[in-house]
């Protein structure tokens, strides 16, 4: 058991020492959801953008998706600005 503890709890130790900072991420803005849930086109693009990946959709991409994506990106920016002092 001691070997498992040493090998598997290193991240917990790093957090405890303050070397790693942990933040909660709201479900709708969590990039980890990308390949685990059914997502709309704009939700996929948002999560890929959070990972630094740019997507170019085919011409049939609807305007509604584009406006929803812009709305979500703006809200994400506001959340990050509110958190900025922490």
PDB file of N, CA and C in Angstrom:
ATOM      1  N   UNK A   1       0.823  -1.186   0.000  1.00  0.00           N
ATOM      2  CA  UNK A   1       0.000   0.000   0.000  1.00  0.00           C
ATOM      3  C   UNK A   1       0.871   1.256   0.000  1.00  0.00           C
ATOM      4  N   UNK A   2       1.995   1.213   0.674  1.00  0.00           N
ATOM      5  CA  UNK A   2       2.867   2.378   0.739  1.00  0.00           C
ATOM      6  C   UNK A   2       3.375   2.760  -0.653  1.00  0.00           C
ATOM      7  N   UNK A   3       3.706   1.780  -1.477  1.00  0.00           N
ATOM      8  CA  UNK A   3       4.188   2.068  -2.832  1.00  0.00           C
ATOM      9  C   UNK A   3       3.110   2.768  -3.659  1.00  0.00           C
ATOM     10  N   UNK A   4       1.872   2.311  -3.520  1.00  0.00           N
ATOM     11  CA  UNK A   4       0.774   2.955  -4.232  1.00  0.00           C
ATOM     12  C   UNK A   4       0.616   4.397  -3.774  1.00  0.00           C
ATOM     13  N   UNK A   5       0.708   4.606  -2.479  1.00  0.00           N
ATOM     14  CA  UNK A   5       0.536   5.939  -1.933  1.00  0.00           C
ATOM     15  C   UNK A   5       1.604   6.893  -2.461  1.00  0.00           C
ATOM     16  N   UNK A   6       2.806   6.474  -2.488  1.00  0.00           N
ATOM     17  CA  UNK A   6       3.896   7.318  -2.971  1.00  0.00           C
ATOM     18  C   UNK A   6       3.733   7.606  -4.463  1.00  0.00           C
ATOM     19  N   UNK A   7       3.397   6.604  -5.234  1.00  0.00           N
ATOM     20  CA  UNK A   7       3.294   6.764  -6.678  1.00  0.00           C
ATOM     21  C   UNK A   7       2.055   7.541  -7.102  1.00  0.00           C
ATOM     22  N   UNK A   8       0.925   7.300  -6.441  1.00  0.00           N
ATOM     23  CA  UNK A   8      -0.345   7.838  -6.921  1.00  0.00           C
ATOM     24  C   UNK A   8      -0.779   9.141  -6.269  1.00  0.00           C
ATOM     25  N   UNK A   9      -0.195   9.523  -5.164  1.00  0.00           N
ATOM     26  CA  UNK A   9      -0.657  10.723  -4.474  1.00  0.00           C
ATOM     27  C   UNK A   9       0.286  11.909  -4.650  1.00  0.00           C
ATOM     28  N   UNK A  10       1.162  11.862  -5.632  1.00  0.00           N
ATOM     29  CA  UNK A  10       2.108  12.962  -5.828  1.00  0.00           C
ATOM     30  C   UNK A  10       1.384  14.261  -6.161  1.00  0.00           C
ATOM     31  N   UNK A  11       0.297  14.184  -6.929  1.00  0.00           N
ATOM     32  CA  UNK A  11      -0.430  15.391  -7.297  1.00  0.00           C
ATOM     33  C   UNK A  11      -1.084  16.025  -6.069  1.00  0.00           C
ATOM     34  N   UNK A  12      -1.636  15.201  -5.211  1.00  0.00           N
ATOM     35  CA  UNK A  12      -2.231  15.705  -3.976  1.00  0.00           C
ATOM     36  C   UNK A  12      -1.164  16.411  -3.131  1.00  0.00           C
ATOM     37  N   UNK A  13       0.020  15.886  -3.095  1.00  0.00           N
ATOM     38  CA  UNK A  13       1.118  16.514  -2.351  1.00  0.00           C
ATOM     39  C   UNK A  13       1.474  17.863  -2.969  1.00  0.00           C
ATOM     40  N   UNK A  14       1.550  17.923  -4.287  1.00  0.00           N
ATOM     41  CA  UNK A  14       1.889  19.172  -4.969  1.00  0.00           C
ATOM     42  C   UNK A  14       0.831  20.247  -4.697  1.00  0.00           C
ATOM     43  N   UNK A  15      -0.428  19.855  -4.679  1.00  0.00           N
ATOM     44  CA  UNK A  15      -1.498  20.799  -4.354  1.00  0.00           C
ATOM     45  C   UNK A  15      -1.336  21.279  -2.914  1.00  0.00           C
ATOM     46  N   UNK A  16      -1.072  20.365  -2.008  1.00  0.00           N
ATOM     47  CA  UNK A  16      -0.881  20.712  -0.604  1.00  0.00           C
ATOM     48  C   UNK A  16       0.285  21.658  -0.379  1.00  0.00           C
ATOM     49  N   UNK A  17       1.323  21.527  -1.188  1.00  0.00           N
ATOM     50  CA  UNK A  17       2.489  22.398  -1.073  1.00  0.00           C
ATOM     51  C   UNK A  17       2.287  23.737  -1.775  1.00  0.00           C
ATOM     52  N   UNK A  18       1.189  23.860  -2.512  1.00  0.00           N
ATOM     53  CA  UNK A  18       0.901  25.103  -3.214  1.00  0.00           C
ATOM     54  C   UNK A  18       1.588  25.232  -4.559  1.00  0.00           C
ATOM     55  N   UNK A  19       2.200  24.177  -5.032  1.00  0.00           N
ATOM     56  CA  UNK A  19       2.866  24.201  -6.340  1.00  0.00           C
ATOM     57  C   UNK A  19       1.876  24.089  -7.489  1.00  0.00           C
ATOM     58  N   UNK A  20       0.713  23.496  -7.226  1.00  0.00           N
ATOM     59  CA  UNK A  20      -0.339  23.346  -8.215  1.00  0.00           C
ATOM     60  C   UNK A  20      -1.591  24.006  -7.649  1.00  0.00           C
ATOM     61  N   UNK A  21      -2.218  24.867  -8.439  1.00  0.00           N
ATOM     62  CA  UNK A  21      -3.438  25.544  -8.015  1.00  0.00           C
ATOM     63  C   UNK A  21      -4.615  24.873  -8.707  1.00  0.00           C
ATOM     64  N   UNK A  22      -5.628  24.540  -7.948  1.00  0.00           N
ATOM     65  CA  UNK A  22      -6.800  23.850  -8.468  1.00  0.00           C
ATOM     66  C   UNK A  22      -7.973  24.824  -8.496  1.00  0.00           C
ATOM     67  N   UNK A  23      -8.650  24.905  -9.637  1.00  0.00           N
ATOM     68  CA  UNK A  23      -9.846  25.727  -9.789  1.00  0.00           C
ATOM     69  C   UNK A  23     -10.984  24.840 -10.254  1.00  0.00           C
ATOM     70  N   UNK A  24     -12.183  25.172  -9.831  1.00  0.00           N
ATOM     71  CA  UNK A  24     -13.345  24.462 -10.353  1.00  0.00           C
ATOM     72  C   UNK A  24     -13.706  25.044 -11.719  1.00  0.00           C
ATOM     73  N   UNK A  25     -14.246  24.222 -12.566  1.00  0.00           N
ATOM     74  CA  UNK A  25     -14.674  24.640 -13.895  1.00  0.00           C
ATOM     75  C   UNK A  25     -16.131  24.245 -14.046  1.00  0.00           C
ATOM     76  N   UNK A  26     -16.970  25.209 -14.406  1.00  0.00           N
ATOM     77  CA  UNK A  26     -18.382  24.912 -14.626  1.00  0.00           C
ATOM     78  C   UNK A  26     -18.507  23.902 -15.760  1.00  0.00           C
ATOM     79  N   UNK A  27     -19.439  23.001 -15.621  1.00  0.00           N
ATOM     80  CA  UNK A  27     -19.645  21.962 -16.625  1.00  0.00           C
ATOM     81  C   UNK A  27     -19.717  22.463 -18.056  1.00  0.00           C
ATOM     82  N   UNK A  28     -20.521  23.515 -18.331  1.00  0.00           N
ATOM     83  CA  UNK A  28     -20.634  23.981 -19.718  1.00  0.00           C
ATOM     84  C   UNK A  28     -19.341  24.554 -20.299  1.00  0.00           C
ATOM     85  N   UNK A  29     -18.384  24.868 -19.450  1.00  0.00           N
ATOM     86  CA  UNK A  29     -17.136  25.449 -19.944  1.00  0.00           C
ATOM     87  C   UNK A  29     -15.934  24.525 -19.704  1.00  0.00           C
ATOM     88  N   UNK A  30     -16.203  23.253 -19.541  1.00  0.00           N
ATOM     89  CA  UNK A  30     -15.154  22.296 -19.244  1.00  0.00           C
ATOM     90  C   UNK A  30     -14.672  21.617 -20.526  1.00  0.00           C
ATOM     91  N   UNK A  31     -13.424  21.874 -20.938  1.00  0.00           N
ATOM     92  CA  UNK A  31     -12.925  21.241 -22.163  1.00  0.00           C
ATOM     93  C   UNK A  31     -12.922  19.716 -22.100  1.00  0.00           C
ATOM     94  N   UNK A  32     -12.897  19.159 -20.898  1.00  0.00           N
ATOM     95  CA  UNK A  32     -12.881  17.698 -20.772  1.00  0.00           C
ATOM     96  C   UNK A  32     -14.173  17.062 -21.272  1.00  0.00           C
ATOM     97  N   UNK A  33     -15.237  17.858 -21.410  1.00  0.00           N
ATOM     98  CA  UNK A  33     -16.501  17.326 -21.926  1.00  0.00           C
ATOM     99  C   UNK A  33     -16.450  17.036 -23.418  1.00  0.00           C
ATOM    100  N   UNK A  34     -15.401  17.467 -24.076  1.00  0.00           N
ATOM    101  CA  UNK A  34     -15.339  17.434 -25.530  1.00  0.00           C
ATOM    102  C   UNK A  34     -15.658  16.071 -26.134  1.00  0.00           C
ATOM    103  N   UNK A  35     -15.094  15.016 -25.642  1.00  0.00           N
ATOM    104  CA  UNK A  35     -15.324  13.706 -26.247  1.00  0.00           C
ATOM    105  C   UNK A  35     -16.106  12.768 -25.324  1.00  0.00           C
ATOM    106  N   UNK A  36     -16.785  13.340 -24.319  1.00  0.00           N
ATOM    107  CA  UNK A  36     -17.521  12.486 -23.395  1.00  0.00           C
ATOM    108  C   UNK A  36     -19.018  12.696 -23.451  1.00  0.00           C
ATOM    109  N   UNK A  37     -19.464  13.754 -24.145  1.00  0.00           N
ATOM    110  CA  UNK A  37     -20.887  14.069 -24.201  1.00  0.00           C
ATOM    111  C   UNK A  37     -21.283  14.474 -25.614  1.00  0.00           C
ATOM    112  N   UNK A  38     -22.582  14.387 -25.882  1.00  0.00           N
ATOM    113  CA  UNK A  38     -23.091  14.899 -27.149  1.00  0.00           C
ATOM    114  C   UNK A  38     -23.144  16.419 -27.026  1.00  0.00           C
ATOM    115  N   UNK A  39     -22.469  17.117 -27.915  1.00  0.00           N
ATOM    116  CA  UNK A  39     -22.412  18.568 -27.864  1.00  0.00           C
ATOM    117  C   UNK A  39     -22.862  19.160 -29.184  1.00  0.00           C
ATOM    118  N   UNK A  40     -23.438  20.360 -29.108  1.00  0.00           N
ATOM    119  CA  UNK A  40     -23.794  21.092 -30.314  1.00  0.00           C
ATOM    120  C   UNK A  40     -22.520  21.632 -30.951  1.00  0.00           C
ATOM    121  N   UNK A  41     -22.647  22.050 -32.185  1.00  0.00           N
ATOM    122  CA  UNK A  41     -21.488  22.530 -32.937  1.00  0.00           C
ATOM    123  C   UNK A  41     -20.780  23.673 -32.209  1.00  0.00           C
ATOM    124  N   UNK A  42     -21.539  24.662 -31.727  1.00  0.00           N
ATOM    125  CA  UNK A  42     -20.922  25.802 -31.056  1.00  0.00           C
ATOM    126  C   UNK A  42     -20.266  25.383 -29.746  1.00  0.00           C
ATOM    127  N   UNK A  43     -20.813  24.360 -29.083  1.00  0.00           N
ATOM    128  CA  UNK A  43     -20.207  23.869 -27.837  1.00  0.00           C
ATOM    129  C   UNK A  43     -18.868  23.176 -28.127  1.00  0.00           C
ATOM    130  N   UNK A  44     -18.817  22.456 -29.226  1.00  0.00           N
ATOM    131  CA  UNK A  44     -17.564  21.814 -29.630  1.00  0.00           C
ATOM    132  C   UNK A  44     -16.512  22.873 -29.942  1.00  0.00           C
ATOM    133  N   UNK A  45     -16.922  23.889 -30.714  1.00  0.00           N
ATOM    134  CA  UNK A  45     -15.979  24.941 -31.087  1.00  0.00           C
ATOM    135  C   UNK A  45     -15.478  25.701 -29.860  1.00  0.00           C
ATOM    136  N   UNK A  46     -16.358  25.963 -28.913  1.00  0.00           N
ATOM    137  CA  UNK A  46     -15.955  26.649 -27.685  1.00  0.00           C
ATOM    138  C   UNK A  46     -14.896  25.847 -26.938  1.00  0.00           C
ATOM    139  N   UNK A  47     -15.133  24.556 -26.767  1.00  0.00           N
ATOM    140  CA  UNK A  47     -14.191  23.723 -26.018  1.00  0.00           C
ATOM    141  C   UNK A  47     -12.861  23.561 -26.759  1.00  0.00           C
ATOM    142  N   UNK A  48     -12.919  23.430 -28.064  1.00  0.00           N
ATOM    143  CA  UNK A  48     -11.676  23.363 -28.834  1.00  0.00           C
ATOM    144  C   UNK A  48     -10.907  24.677 -28.707  1.00  0.00           C
ATOM    145  N   UNK A  49     -11.625  25.792 -28.724  1.00  0.00           N
ATOM    146  CA  UNK A  49     -10.988  27.092 -28.544  1.00  0.00           C
ATOM    147  C   UNK A  49     -10.303  27.208 -27.193  1.00  0.00           C
ATOM    148  N   UNK A  50     -10.921  26.647 -26.153  1.00  0.00           N
ATOM    149  CA  UNK A  50     -10.310  26.662 -24.826  1.00  0.00           C
ATOM    150  C   UNK A  50      -8.993  25.884 -24.818  1.00  0.00           C
ATOM    151  N   UNK A  51      -8.882  24.925 -25.715  1.00  0.00           N
ATOM    152  CA  UNK A  51      -7.657  24.132 -25.838  1.00  0.00           C
ATOM    153  C   UNK A  51      -6.679  24.735 -26.840  1.00  0.00           C
ATOM    154  N   UNK A  52      -7.058  25.868 -27.441  1.00  0.00           N
ATOM    155  CA  UNK A  52      -6.177  26.529 -28.400  1.00  0.00           C
ATOM    156  C   UNK A  52      -6.268  25.970 -29.804  1.00  0.00           C
ATOM    157  N   UNK A  53      -7.360  25.288 -30.112  1.00  0.00           N
ATOM    158  CA  UNK A  53      -7.540  24.684 -31.429  1.00  0.00           C
ATOM    159  C   UNK A  53      -8.600  25.465 -32.188  1.00  0.00           C
ATOM    160  N   UNK A  54      -8.264  25.932 -33.378  1.00  0.00           N
ATOM    161  CA  UNK A  54      -9.212  26.687 -34.201  1.00  0.00           C
ATOM    162  C   UNK A  54      -9.867  25.741 -35.197  1.00  0.00           C
ATOM    163  N   UNK A  55     -11.187  25.910 -35.361  1.00  0.00           N
ATOM    164  CA  UNK A  55     -11.962  25.044 -36.246  1.00  0.00           C
ATOM    165  C   UNK A  55     -12.574  25.883 -37.355  1.00  0.00           C
ATOM    166  N   UNK A  56     -12.553  25.378 -38.572  1.00  0.00           N
ATOM    167  CA  UNK A  56     -13.248  26.015 -39.675  1.00  0.00           C
ATOM    168  C   UNK A  56     -14.349  25.062 -40.122  1.00  0.00           C
ATOM    169  N   UNK A  57     -15.605  25.486 -39.938  1.00  0.00           N
ATOM    170  CA  UNK A  57     -16.738  24.645 -40.291  1.00  0.00           C
ATOM    171  C   UNK A  57     -17.098  24.828 -41.760  1.00  0.00           C
ATOM    172  N   UNK A  58     -17.835  23.900 -42.270  1.00  0.00           N
ATOM    173  CA  UNK A  58     -18.312  23.982 -43.647  1.00  0.00           C
ATOM    174  C   UNK A  58     -19.316  25.137 -43.772  1.00  0.00           C
ATOM    175  N   UNK A  59     -19.586  25.589 -44.989  1.00  0.00           N
ATOM    176  CA  UNK A  59     -20.476  26.747 -45.207  1.00  0.00           C
ATOM    177  C   UNK A  59     -21.874  26.603 -44.614  1.00  0.00           C
ATOM    178  N   UNK A  60     -22.335  25.406 -44.406  1.00  0.00           N
ATOM    179  CA  UNK A  60     -23.692  25.259 -43.884  1.00  0.00           C
ATOM    180  C   UNK A  60     -23.811  25.534 -42.382  1.00  0.00           C
ATOM    181  N   UNK A  61     -22.729  25.979 -41.763  1.00  0.00           N
ATOM    182  CA  UNK A  61     -22.762  26.347 -40.347  1.00  0.00           C
ATOM    183  C   UNK A  61     -23.790  27.461 -40.153  1.00  0.00           C
ATOM    184  N   UNK A  62     -24.713  27.245 -39.251  1.00  0.00           N
ATOM    185  CA  UNK A  62     -25.808  28.197 -39.053  1.00  0.00           C
ATOM    186  C   UNK A  62     -25.354  29.425 -38.266  1.00  0.00           C
ATOM    187  N   UNK A  63     -25.971  30.574 -38.558  1.00  0.00           N
ATOM    188  CA  UNK A  63     -25.681  31.821 -37.867  1.00  0.00           C
ATOM    189  C   UNK A  63     -26.017  31.721 -36.379  1.00  0.00           C
ATOM    190  N   UNK A  64     -27.039  30.961 -36.037  1.00  0.00           N
ATOM    191  CA  UNK A  64     -27.429  30.804 -34.629  1.00  0.00           C
ATOM    192  C   UNK A  64     -26.287  30.200 -33.822  1.00  0.00           C
ATOM    193  N   UNK A  65     -25.593  29.235 -34.416  1.00  0.00           N
ATOM    194  CA  UNK A  65     -24.454  28.631 -33.727  1.00  0.00           C
ATOM    195  C   UNK A  65     -23.365  29.665 -33.504  1.00  0.00           C
ATOM    196  N   UNK A  66     -23.105  30.494 -34.498  1.00  0.00           N
ATOM    197  CA  UNK A  66     -22.045  31.496 -34.385  1.00  0.00           C
ATOM    198  C   UNK A  66     -22.365  32.505 -33.290  1.00  0.00           C
ATOM    199  N   UNK A  67     -23.613  32.978 -33.216  1.00  0.00           N
ATOM    200  CA  UNK A  67     -23.959  33.964 -32.200  1.00  0.00           C
ATOM    201  C   UNK A  67     -23.907  33.350 -30.799  1.00  0.00           C
ATOM    202  N   UNK A  68     -24.333  32.108 -30.661  1.00  0.00           N
ATOM    203  CA  UNK A  68     -24.272  31.436 -29.357  1.00  0.00           C
ATOM    204  C   UNK A  68     -22.816  31.254 -28.926  1.00  0.00           C
ATOM    205  N   UNK A  69     -21.937  30.919 -29.853  1.00  0.00           N
ATOM    206  CA  UNK A  69     -20.521  30.776 -29.540  1.00  0.00           C
ATOM    207  C   UNK A  69     -19.948  32.102 -29.049  1.00  0.00           C
ATOM    208  N   UNK A  70     -20.248  33.181 -29.747  1.00  0.00           N
ATOM    209  CA  UNK A  70     -19.751  34.495 -29.338  1.00  0.00           C
ATOM    210  C   UNK A  70     -20.258  34.857 -27.949  1.00  0.00           C
ATOM    211  N   UNK A  71     -21.512  34.559 -27.678  1.00  0.00           N
ATOM    212  CA  UNK A  71     -22.103  34.831 -26.361  1.00  0.00           C
ATOM    213  C   UNK A  71     -21.362  34.065 -25.262  1.00  0.00           C
ATOM    214  N   UNK A  72     -21.088  32.796 -25.500  1.00  0.00           N
ATOM    215  CA  UNK A  72     -20.389  31.962 -24.517  1.00  0.00           C
ATOM    216  C   UNK A  72     -18.948  32.427 -24.309  1.00  0.00           C
ATOM    217  N   UNK A  73     -18.264  32.794 -25.386  1.00  0.00           N
ATOM    218  CA  UNK A  73     -16.885  33.280 -25.270  1.00  0.00           C
ATOM    219  C   UNK A  73     -16.860  34.560 -24.449  1.00  0.00           C
ATOM    220  N   UNK A  74     -17.817  35.463 -24.681  1.00  0.00           N
ATOM    221  CA  UNK A  74     -17.882  36.693 -23.901  1.00  0.00           C
ATOM    222  C   UNK A  74     -18.138  36.404 -22.429  1.00  0.00           C
ATOM    223  N   UNK A  75     -19.033  35.479 -22.126  1.00  0.00           N
ATOM    224  CA  UNK A  75     -19.313  35.124 -20.737  1.00  0.00           C
ATOM    225  C   UNK A  75     -18.088  34.497 -20.082  1.00  0.00           C
ATOM    226  N   UNK A  76     -17.385  33.640 -20.812  1.00  0.00           N
ATOM    227  CA  UNK A  76     -16.161  33.038 -20.285  1.00  0.00           C
ATOM    228  C   UNK A  76     -15.140  34.125 -19.947  1.00  0.00           C
ATOM    229  N   UNK A  77     -14.998  35.105 -20.832  1.00  0.00           N
ATOM    230  CA  UNK A  77     -14.080  36.205 -20.577  1.00  0.00           C
ATOM    231  C   UNK A  77     -14.456  36.977 -19.323  1.00  0.00           C
ATOM    232  N   UNK A  78     -15.751  37.229 -19.136  1.00  0.00           N
ATOM    233  CA  UNK A  78     -16.200  37.931 -17.932  1.00  0.00           C
ATOM    234  C   UNK A  78     -15.892  37.127 -16.683  1.00  0.00           C
ATOM    235  N   UNK A  79     -16.084  35.813 -16.734  1.00  0.00           N
ATOM    236  CA  UNK A  79     -15.783  34.945 -15.583  1.00  0.00           C
ATOM    237  C   UNK A  79     -14.290  35.007 -15.244  1.00  0.00           C
ATOM    238  N   UNK A  80     -13.455  34.953 -16.264  1.00  0.00           N
ATOM    239  CA  UNK A  80     -12.014  35.004 -16.035  1.00  0.00           C
ATOM    240  C   UNK A  80     -11.596  36.350 -15.463  1.00  0.00           C
ATOM    241  N   UNK A  81     -12.210  37.445 -15.917  1.00  0.00           N
ATOM    242  CA  UNK A  81     -11.885  38.775 -15.390  1.00  0.00           C
ATOM    243  C   UNK A  81     -12.304  38.897 -13.927  1.00  0.00           C
ATOM    244  N   UNK A  82     -13.459  38.340 -13.575  1.00  0.00           N
ATOM    245  CA  UNK A  82     -13.908  38.376 -12.178  1.00  0.00           C
ATOM    246  C   UNK A  82     -12.958  37.595 -11.285  1.00  0.00           C
ATOM    247  N   UNK A  83     -12.419  36.495 -11.806  1.00  0.00           N
ATOM    248  CA  UNK A  83     -11.523  35.639 -11.035  1.00  0.00           C
ATOM    249  C   UNK A  83     -10.093  36.196 -11.016  1.00  0.00           C
ATOM    250  N   UNK A  84      -9.780  37.128 -11.912  1.00  0.00           N
ATOM    251  CA  UNK A  84      -8.428  37.622 -12.111  1.00  0.00           C
ATOM    252  C   UNK A  84      -7.641  37.974 -10.882  1.00  0.00           C
ATOM    253  N   UNK A  85      -8.265  38.512  -9.836  1.00  0.00           N
ATOM    254  CA  UNK A  85      -7.534  38.899  -8.640  1.00  0.00           C
ATOM    255  C   UNK A  85      -7.180  37.737  -7.741  1.00  0.00           C
ATOM    256  N   UNK A  86      -7.722  36.550  -8.013  1.00  0.00           N
ATOM    257  CA  UNK A  86      -7.467  35.393  -7.129  1.00  0.00           C
ATOM    258  C   UNK A  86      -6.247  34.641  -7.530  1.00  0.00           C
TER     259      UNK A  86
END
